[in-house]
Amino acid sequence: MPAIAQQYDTGEVLMLGWMDDEALHRTLTTGRCTYWSRSRREYWVKGDTSGHFQWVKSVALDCDADTVLVKVDQVGAACHTGARTCFDEDVLLKDGGSDAPASDQ
């Protein structure tokens, strides 16, 4: 399932990784984010090779139980490129549409 890592105190969205049941179990029991690499077909713990650790503060499932939100204390860069977050390079829309509805009712 998709796993969104978010900085616990600022709300900054850091990255998206993938977790299966085992990765989630390891994350919950160790307090460090463990992801499943779909390309390498192996588990990896954020920070083991980079030194950029994610210390888990809370974990929640979404309403459909098919995505997990992991609030972390990020030490160093979250992105494999060395950037703080994976979502600051190619901004497709910023401060979009002042005509957008205020709510989705």
N, C-alpha and C. Protein backbone atom coordinates (compact mmCIF):
# COMPACT_ATOMS: atom_id res chain seq x y z
N MET A 1 0.84 -1.17 0.00
CA MET A 1 0.00 0.00 0.00
C MET A 1 0.89 1.24 0.00
N PRO A 2 0.38 2.34 -0.52
CA PRO A 2 1.13 3.60 -0.47
C PRO A 2 1.30 4.04 0.98
N ALA A 3 2.48 4.59 1.27
CA ALA A 3 2.78 5.11 2.60
C ALA A 3 3.31 6.53 2.43
N ILE A 4 2.55 7.49 2.94
CA ILE A 4 2.92 8.89 2.85
C ILE A 4 3.66 9.27 4.12
N ALA A 5 4.87 9.81 3.97
CA ALA A 5 5.64 10.29 5.11
C ALA A 5 5.45 11.80 5.21
N GLN A 6 5.06 12.25 6.39
CA GLN A 6 4.78 13.66 6.64
C GLN A 6 5.53 14.10 7.89
N GLN A 7 6.15 15.29 7.83
CA GLN A 7 6.83 15.84 9.01
C GLN A 7 5.78 16.10 10.08
N TYR A 8 5.98 15.53 11.27
CA TYR A 8 4.94 15.54 12.30
C TYR A 8 4.61 16.93 12.83
N ASP A 9 5.59 17.84 12.89
CA ASP A 9 5.31 19.12 13.53
C ASP A 9 4.95 20.25 12.56
N THR A 10 5.31 20.10 11.28
CA THR A 10 5.01 21.16 10.31
C THR A 10 3.94 20.78 9.30
N GLY A 11 3.68 19.46 9.17
CA GLY A 11 2.71 18.99 8.19
C GLY A 11 3.30 18.85 6.79
N GLU A 12 4.58 19.16 6.62
CA GLU A 12 5.23 19.05 5.31
C GLU A 12 5.18 17.61 4.79
N VAL A 13 4.68 17.43 3.57
CA VAL A 13 4.66 16.10 2.96
C VAL A 13 6.06 15.83 2.42
N LEU A 14 6.67 14.74 2.86
CA LEU A 14 8.06 14.46 2.55
C LEU A 14 8.25 13.52 1.38
N MET A 15 7.54 12.41 1.40
CA MET A 15 7.75 11.40 0.36
C MET A 15 6.61 10.39 0.35
N LEU A 16 6.61 9.58 -0.69
CA LEU A 16 5.69 8.45 -0.80
C LEU A 16 6.54 7.21 -0.98
N GLY A 17 6.27 6.21 -0.17
CA GLY A 17 6.92 4.91 -0.29
C GLY A 17 5.86 3.84 -0.31
N TRP A 18 6.29 2.60 -0.28
CA TRP A 18 5.36 1.47 -0.32
C TRP A 18 5.61 0.58 0.87
N MET A 19 4.53 0.11 1.48
CA MET A 19 4.61 -0.82 2.60
C MET A 19 3.67 -1.99 2.35
N ASP A 20 4.16 -3.17 2.68
CA ASP A 20 3.27 -4.32 2.76
C ASP A 20 3.06 -4.61 4.25
N ASP A 21 2.40 -5.70 4.59
CA ASP A 21 2.12 -5.98 6.00
C ASP A 21 3.39 -6.07 6.83
N GLU A 22 4.43 -6.69 6.27
CA GLU A 22 5.68 -6.85 7.01
C GLU A 22 6.38 -5.51 7.22
N ALA A 23 6.42 -4.66 6.20
CA ALA A 23 7.05 -3.34 6.34
C ALA A 23 6.30 -2.51 7.38
N LEU A 24 4.99 -2.58 7.36
CA LEU A 24 4.19 -1.85 8.35
C LEU A 24 4.47 -2.38 9.75
N HIS A 25 4.53 -3.67 9.89
CA HIS A 25 4.83 -4.29 11.19
C HIS A 25 6.19 -3.82 11.70
N ARG A 26 7.19 -3.84 10.84
CA ARG A 26 8.54 -3.40 11.24
C ARG A 26 8.53 -1.92 11.62
N THR A 27 7.80 -1.12 10.88
CA THR A 27 7.69 0.31 11.18
C THR A 27 7.07 0.53 12.55
N LEU A 28 6.00 -0.19 12.83
CA LEU A 28 5.29 -0.05 14.10
C LEU A 28 6.12 -0.54 15.28
N THR A 29 6.91 -1.59 15.08
CA THR A 29 7.64 -2.18 16.20
C THR A 29 9.02 -1.58 16.43
N THR A 30 9.63 -1.00 15.39
CA THR A 30 10.97 -0.43 15.55
C THR A 30 10.98 1.08 15.74
N GLY A 31 9.91 1.76 15.31
CA GLY A 31 9.87 3.21 15.39
C GLY A 31 10.66 3.90 14.29
N ARG A 32 11.07 3.12 13.29
CA ARG A 32 11.76 3.66 12.11
C ARG A 32 11.02 3.18 10.88
N CYS A 33 10.89 4.05 9.87
CA CYS A 33 10.14 3.70 8.67
C CYS A 33 10.86 2.62 7.88
N THR A 34 10.14 1.55 7.62
CA THR A 34 10.61 0.47 6.77
C THR A 34 9.69 0.41 5.57
N TYR A 35 10.28 0.40 4.40
CA TYR A 35 9.52 0.40 3.15
C TYR A 35 9.83 -0.85 2.36
N TRP A 36 8.95 -1.18 1.41
CA TRP A 36 9.16 -2.26 0.48
C TRP A 36 9.54 -1.63 -0.86
N SER A 37 10.73 -1.99 -1.36
CA SER A 37 11.16 -1.51 -2.67
C SER A 37 10.57 -2.41 -3.74
N ARG A 38 9.68 -1.86 -4.53
CA ARG A 38 9.06 -2.65 -5.59
C ARG A 38 10.05 -2.97 -6.69
N SER A 39 11.01 -2.11 -6.94
CA SER A 39 11.99 -2.36 -8.01
C SER A 39 13.07 -3.35 -7.57
N ARG A 40 13.55 -3.20 -6.33
CA ARG A 40 14.60 -4.11 -5.83
C ARG A 40 14.02 -5.36 -5.18
N ARG A 41 12.72 -5.31 -4.89
CA ARG A 41 12.04 -6.43 -4.25
C ARG A 41 12.70 -6.80 -2.91
N GLU A 42 12.89 -5.76 -2.09
CA GLU A 42 13.48 -5.97 -0.77
C GLU A 42 13.04 -4.84 0.17
N TYR A 43 13.16 -5.10 1.47
CA TYR A 43 12.82 -4.09 2.47
C TYR A 43 14.01 -3.14 2.63
N TRP A 44 13.69 -1.89 2.95
CA TRP A 44 14.75 -0.94 3.29
C TRP A 44 14.27 -0.03 4.39
N VAL A 45 15.16 0.28 5.29
CA VAL A 45 14.86 1.15 6.42
C VAL A 45 15.43 2.53 6.09
N LYS A 46 14.56 3.51 6.10
CA LYS A 46 14.97 4.87 5.77
C LYS A 46 16.10 5.30 6.71
N GLY A 47 17.24 5.65 6.11
CA GLY A 47 18.38 6.13 6.87
C GLY A 47 19.52 5.15 7.01
N ASP A 48 19.26 3.86 6.79
CA ASP A 48 20.33 2.87 6.96
C ASP A 48 21.53 3.14 6.06
N THR A 49 21.30 3.56 4.84
CA THR A 49 22.43 3.84 3.94
C THR A 49 22.69 5.33 3.79
N SER A 50 21.66 6.16 3.91
CA SER A 50 21.82 7.60 3.68
C SER A 50 22.14 8.38 4.95
N GLY A 51 21.75 7.85 6.10
CA GLY A 51 21.87 8.60 7.34
C GLY A 51 20.75 9.60 7.55
N HIS A 52 19.76 9.58 6.64
CA HIS A 52 18.61 10.50 6.72
C HIS A 52 17.42 9.74 7.29
N PHE A 53 17.37 9.68 8.59
CA PHE A 53 16.42 8.84 9.30
C PHE A 53 15.02 9.43 9.37
N GLN A 54 14.04 8.54 9.48
CA GLN A 54 12.66 8.92 9.77
C GLN A 54 12.27 8.23 11.07
N TRP A 55 12.11 9.02 12.13
CA TRP A 55 11.69 8.52 13.42
C TRP A 55 10.17 8.65 13.51
N VAL A 56 9.50 7.56 13.69
CA VAL A 56 8.04 7.50 13.64
C VAL A 56 7.42 8.15 14.88
N LYS A 57 6.47 9.06 14.63
CA LYS A 57 5.72 9.70 15.70
C LYS A 57 4.29 9.15 15.79
N SER A 58 3.66 8.87 14.62
CA SER A 58 2.33 8.28 14.62
C SER A 58 2.09 7.62 13.26
N VAL A 59 1.16 6.68 13.25
CA VAL A 59 0.80 5.96 12.03
C VAL A 59 -0.72 5.85 11.99
N ALA A 60 -1.31 6.17 10.83
CA ALA A 60 -2.77 6.09 10.68
C ALA A 60 -3.12 5.53 9.31
N LEU A 61 -4.18 4.75 9.27
CA LEU A 61 -4.73 4.27 8.01
C LEU A 61 -5.78 5.26 7.52
N ASP A 62 -5.94 5.35 6.20
CA ASP A 62 -7.01 6.19 5.67
C ASP A 62 -8.34 5.46 5.82
N CYS A 63 -9.41 6.12 5.42
CA CYS A 63 -10.77 5.59 5.64
C CYS A 63 -11.04 4.28 4.91
N ASP A 64 -10.31 4.00 3.84
CA ASP A 64 -10.48 2.74 3.11
C ASP A 64 -9.47 1.68 3.52
N ALA A 65 -8.58 2.02 4.45
CA ALA A 65 -7.52 1.13 4.92
C ALA A 65 -6.62 0.65 3.79
N ASP A 66 -6.38 1.55 2.80
CA ASP A 66 -5.50 1.15 1.70
C ASP A 66 -4.34 2.13 1.48
N THR A 67 -4.19 3.08 2.40
CA THR A 67 -3.06 4.00 2.39
C THR A 67 -2.71 4.30 3.84
N VAL A 68 -1.42 4.42 4.12
CA VAL A 68 -0.99 4.72 5.47
C VAL A 68 -0.30 6.08 5.50
N LEU A 69 -0.59 6.85 6.55
CA LEU A 69 0.06 8.13 6.78
C LEU A 69 0.99 7.95 7.97
N VAL A 70 2.28 8.17 7.73
CA VAL A 70 3.27 8.03 8.79
C VAL A 70 3.81 9.43 9.10
N LYS A 71 3.51 9.90 10.29
CA LYS A 71 4.05 11.18 10.72
C LYS A 71 5.40 10.90 11.38
N VAL A 72 6.43 11.59 10.88
CA VAL A 72 7.79 11.29 11.27
C VAL A 72 8.53 12.55 11.70
N ASP A 73 9.63 12.34 12.38
CA ASP A 73 10.62 13.39 12.58
C ASP A 73 11.74 13.07 11.60
N GLN A 74 11.81 13.81 10.53
CA GLN A 74 12.77 13.58 9.46
C GLN A 74 14.11 14.20 9.83
N VAL A 75 15.17 13.41 9.77
CA VAL A 75 16.52 13.91 9.99
C VAL A 75 17.22 13.91 8.64
N GLY A 76 17.54 15.09 8.13
CA GLY A 76 18.17 15.19 6.81
C GLY A 76 17.14 15.14 5.70
N ALA A 77 17.61 14.81 4.52
CA ALA A 77 16.77 14.80 3.33
C ALA A 77 15.84 13.59 3.32
N ALA A 78 14.62 13.78 2.84
CA ALA A 78 13.70 12.66 2.68
C ALA A 78 13.82 12.05 1.29
N CYS A 79 14.16 12.87 0.30
CA CYS A 79 14.21 12.41 -1.09
C CYS A 79 15.57 11.80 -1.42
N HIS A 80 15.56 10.79 -2.28
CA HIS A 80 16.81 10.15 -2.69
C HIS A 80 17.71 11.09 -3.49
N THR A 81 17.17 12.23 -3.95
CA THR A 81 17.97 13.21 -4.69
C THR A 81 18.76 14.12 -3.76
N GLY A 82 18.46 14.03 -2.47
CA GLY A 82 19.11 14.89 -1.49
C GLY A 82 18.26 16.09 -1.09
N ALA A 83 17.09 16.22 -1.70
CA ALA A 83 16.18 17.32 -1.37
C ALA A 83 15.43 16.99 -0.07
N ARG A 84 15.00 18.01 0.62
CA ARG A 84 14.24 17.83 1.86
C ARG A 84 12.99 17.00 1.63
N THR A 85 12.27 17.30 0.55
CA THR A 85 11.03 16.60 0.22
C THR A 85 11.06 16.17 -1.24
N CYS A 86 10.32 15.16 -1.57
CA CYS A 86 10.22 14.70 -2.96
C CYS A 86 9.25 15.55 -3.78
N PHE A 87 8.57 16.51 -3.14
CA PHE A 87 7.49 17.24 -3.80
C PHE A 87 7.76 18.73 -3.98
N ASP A 88 9.01 19.12 -4.14
CA ASP A 88 9.25 20.55 -4.32
C ASP A 88 9.92 20.90 -5.64
N GLU A 89 10.19 19.94 -6.49
CA GLU A 89 10.89 20.19 -7.75
C GLU A 89 9.97 20.64 -8.88
N ASP A 90 8.99 19.84 -9.22
CA ASP A 90 8.12 20.10 -10.36
C ASP A 90 6.72 20.47 -9.90
N VAL A 91 6.56 21.69 -9.43
CA VAL A 91 5.26 22.16 -8.98
C VAL A 91 4.39 22.42 -10.21
N LEU A 92 3.30 21.70 -10.31
CA LEU A 92 2.42 21.81 -11.48
C LEU A 92 1.42 22.94 -11.36
N LEU A 93 1.03 23.26 -10.12
CA LEU A 93 0.09 24.35 -9.88
C LEU A 93 0.38 24.90 -8.50
N LYS A 94 0.46 26.19 -8.40
CA LYS A 94 0.71 26.82 -7.10
C LYS A 94 -0.30 27.93 -6.88
N ASP A 95 -0.89 27.94 -5.69
CA ASP A 95 -1.89 28.96 -5.36
C ASP A 95 -2.94 29.04 -6.44
N GLY A 96 -3.38 27.88 -6.93
CA GLY A 96 -4.25 27.80 -8.08
C GLY A 96 -5.66 28.26 -7.84
N GLY A 97 -6.20 28.77 -8.89
CA GLY A 97 -7.62 29.06 -9.01
C GLY A 97 -8.26 29.78 -7.87
N SER A 98 -8.22 31.09 -7.86
CA SER A 98 -8.93 31.82 -6.83
C SER A 98 -10.43 31.65 -6.95
N ASP A 99 -10.86 31.09 -8.11
CA ASP A 99 -12.28 30.84 -8.32
C ASP A 99 -12.70 29.46 -7.81
N ALA A 100 -11.75 28.72 -7.25
CA ALA A 100 -12.04 27.38 -6.74
C ALA A 100 -13.02 27.47 -5.58
N PRO A 101 -13.94 26.49 -5.49
CA PRO A 101 -14.90 26.50 -4.39
C PRO A 101 -14.19 26.37 -3.05
N ALA A 102 -14.76 26.97 -2.02
CA ALA A 102 -14.17 26.96 -0.69
C ALA A 102 -14.26 25.58 -0.05
N SER A 103 -15.26 24.80 -0.44
CA SER A 103 -15.39 23.46 0.14
C SER A 103 -15.91 22.51 -0.93
N ASP A 104 -15.84 21.24 -0.62
CA ASP A 104 -16.26 20.19 -1.55
C ASP A 104 -17.54 19.55 -1.02
N GLN A 105 -18.59 20.35 -0.88
CA GLN A 105 -19.83 19.84 -0.29
C GLN A 105 -20.78 19.34 -1.33
